[in-house]
């Protein structure tokens, strides 16, 4: 199974971040599979997954040092930065 996810490659306070957009909540295994796929694709930086909750708020899995940023940025603001995609093969169902 192949699935493609929209991504935004950003620099947040001089730290490279690859934001992966999901349509629903992520768990640790999803995050790990996306980190592996990003590494294989040659993407460097912290891999952060984001999704909107039922109220339109941004939810995320990110390194602790980036929580403050993702707690205040809007989901639509992040989506406006989309500049690529990341393919995932058979790792997510």
Protein backbone atom coordinates (compact mmCIF):
# COMPACT_ATOMS: atom_id res chain seq x y z
CA UNK A 1 0.00 0.00 0.00
CA UNK A 2 1.31 3.44 -0.90
CA UNK A 3 0.15 6.59 0.78
CA UNK A 4 1.31 10.14 0.21
CA UNK A 5 1.28 12.93 2.79
CA UNK A 6 1.61 16.66 2.23
CA UNK A 7 4.61 18.21 3.99
CA UNK A 8 6.00 21.63 4.77
CA UNK A 9 9.76 21.99 5.21
CA UNK A 10 10.36 24.87 7.62
CA UNK A 11 13.10 26.44 9.67
CA UNK A 12 11.99 27.34 13.19
CA UNK A 13 14.62 29.35 15.06
CA UNK A 14 17.31 27.88 12.80
CA UNK A 15 16.11 24.29 13.37
CA UNK A 16 14.98 22.33 10.32
CA UNK A 17 11.51 20.87 10.70
CA UNK A 18 9.46 18.72 8.34
CA UNK A 19 5.77 19.06 9.13
CA UNK A 20 3.68 16.09 7.97
CA UNK A 21 -0.07 16.66 7.65
CA UNK A 22 -2.42 13.90 8.73
CA UNK A 23 -6.20 13.77 8.61
CA UNK A 24 -6.53 12.19 12.05
CA UNK A 25 -4.66 11.66 15.29
CA UNK A 26 -1.26 10.01 15.12
CA UNK A 27 0.31 7.52 17.47
CA UNK A 28 3.94 6.71 18.20
CA UNK A 29 4.14 3.97 15.55
CA UNK A 30 2.78 6.32 12.86
CA UNK A 31 5.31 8.96 13.88
CA UNK A 32 8.15 6.41 13.77
CA UNK A 33 7.10 5.17 10.30
CA UNK A 34 7.01 8.74 8.99
CA UNK A 35 10.44 9.49 10.50
CA UNK A 36 11.84 6.42 8.73
CA UNK A 37 10.22 7.37 5.42
CA UNK A 38 11.56 10.93 5.70
CA UNK A 39 15.08 9.64 6.35
CA UNK A 40 14.86 7.35 3.30
CA UNK A 41 13.64 10.31 1.23
CA UNK A 42 16.66 12.36 2.30
CA UNK A 43 14.66 14.85 4.36
CA UNK A 44 16.60 16.14 7.31
CA UNK A 45 15.29 17.86 10.38
CA UNK A 46 12.79 17.07 13.08
CA UNK A 47 9.69 15.26 11.84
CA UNK A 48 6.52 16.74 13.31
CA UNK A 49 3.07 15.34 12.56
CA UNK A 50 0.04 17.63 12.78
CA UNK A 51 -3.69 17.15 12.41
CA UNK A 52 -6.80 19.19 13.24
CA UNK A 53 -9.01 18.08 16.11
CA UNK A 54 -12.81 18.15 15.91
CA UNK A 55 -12.77 21.84 16.91
CA UNK A 56 -10.20 22.85 14.28
CA UNK A 57 -7.34 23.21 16.76
CA UNK A 58 -3.87 22.05 15.79
CA UNK A 59 -2.76 18.80 17.41
CA UNK A 60 0.77 17.51 16.99
CA UNK A 61 3.58 15.15 17.91
CA UNK A 62 6.81 17.16 18.09
CA UNK A 63 10.08 17.34 20.04
CA UNK A 64 9.55 19.14 23.38
CA UNK A 65 11.64 22.14 22.33
CA UNK A 66 9.14 22.87 19.54
CA UNK A 67 5.93 22.51 21.54
CA UNK A 68 5.62 26.26 22.18
CA UNK A 69 5.62 26.99 18.44
CA UNK A 70 3.04 24.33 17.57
CA UNK A 71 0.79 25.33 20.47
CA UNK A 72 0.27 28.80 18.99
CA UNK A 73 0.47 28.35 15.22
CA UNK A 74 -2.80 27.77 13.40
CA UNK A 75 -3.41 24.67 11.30
CA UNK A 76 -4.29 26.83 8.28
CA UNK A 77 -1.06 28.82 8.75
CA UNK A 78 0.91 25.58 8.60
CA UNK A 79 -1.00 24.29 5.56
CA UNK A 80 -0.19 27.52 3.72
CA UNK A 81 3.49 26.44 3.90
CA UNK A 82 3.03 23.07 2.13
CA UNK A 83 5.89 22.60 -0.32
CA UNK A 84 6.16 18.87 -0.95
CA UNK A 85 4.95 15.37 -0.22
CA UNK A 86 6.23 12.27 1.51
CA UNK A 87 5.40 8.76 0.31
CA UNK A 88 4.93 5.89 2.70
CA UNK A 89 4.92 2.27 1.54
CA UNK A 90 3.09 -0.45 3.50
CA UNK A 91 4.03 0.97 6.90
CA UNK A 92 0.65 2.57 7.65
CA UNK A 93 -2.73 1.01 7.27
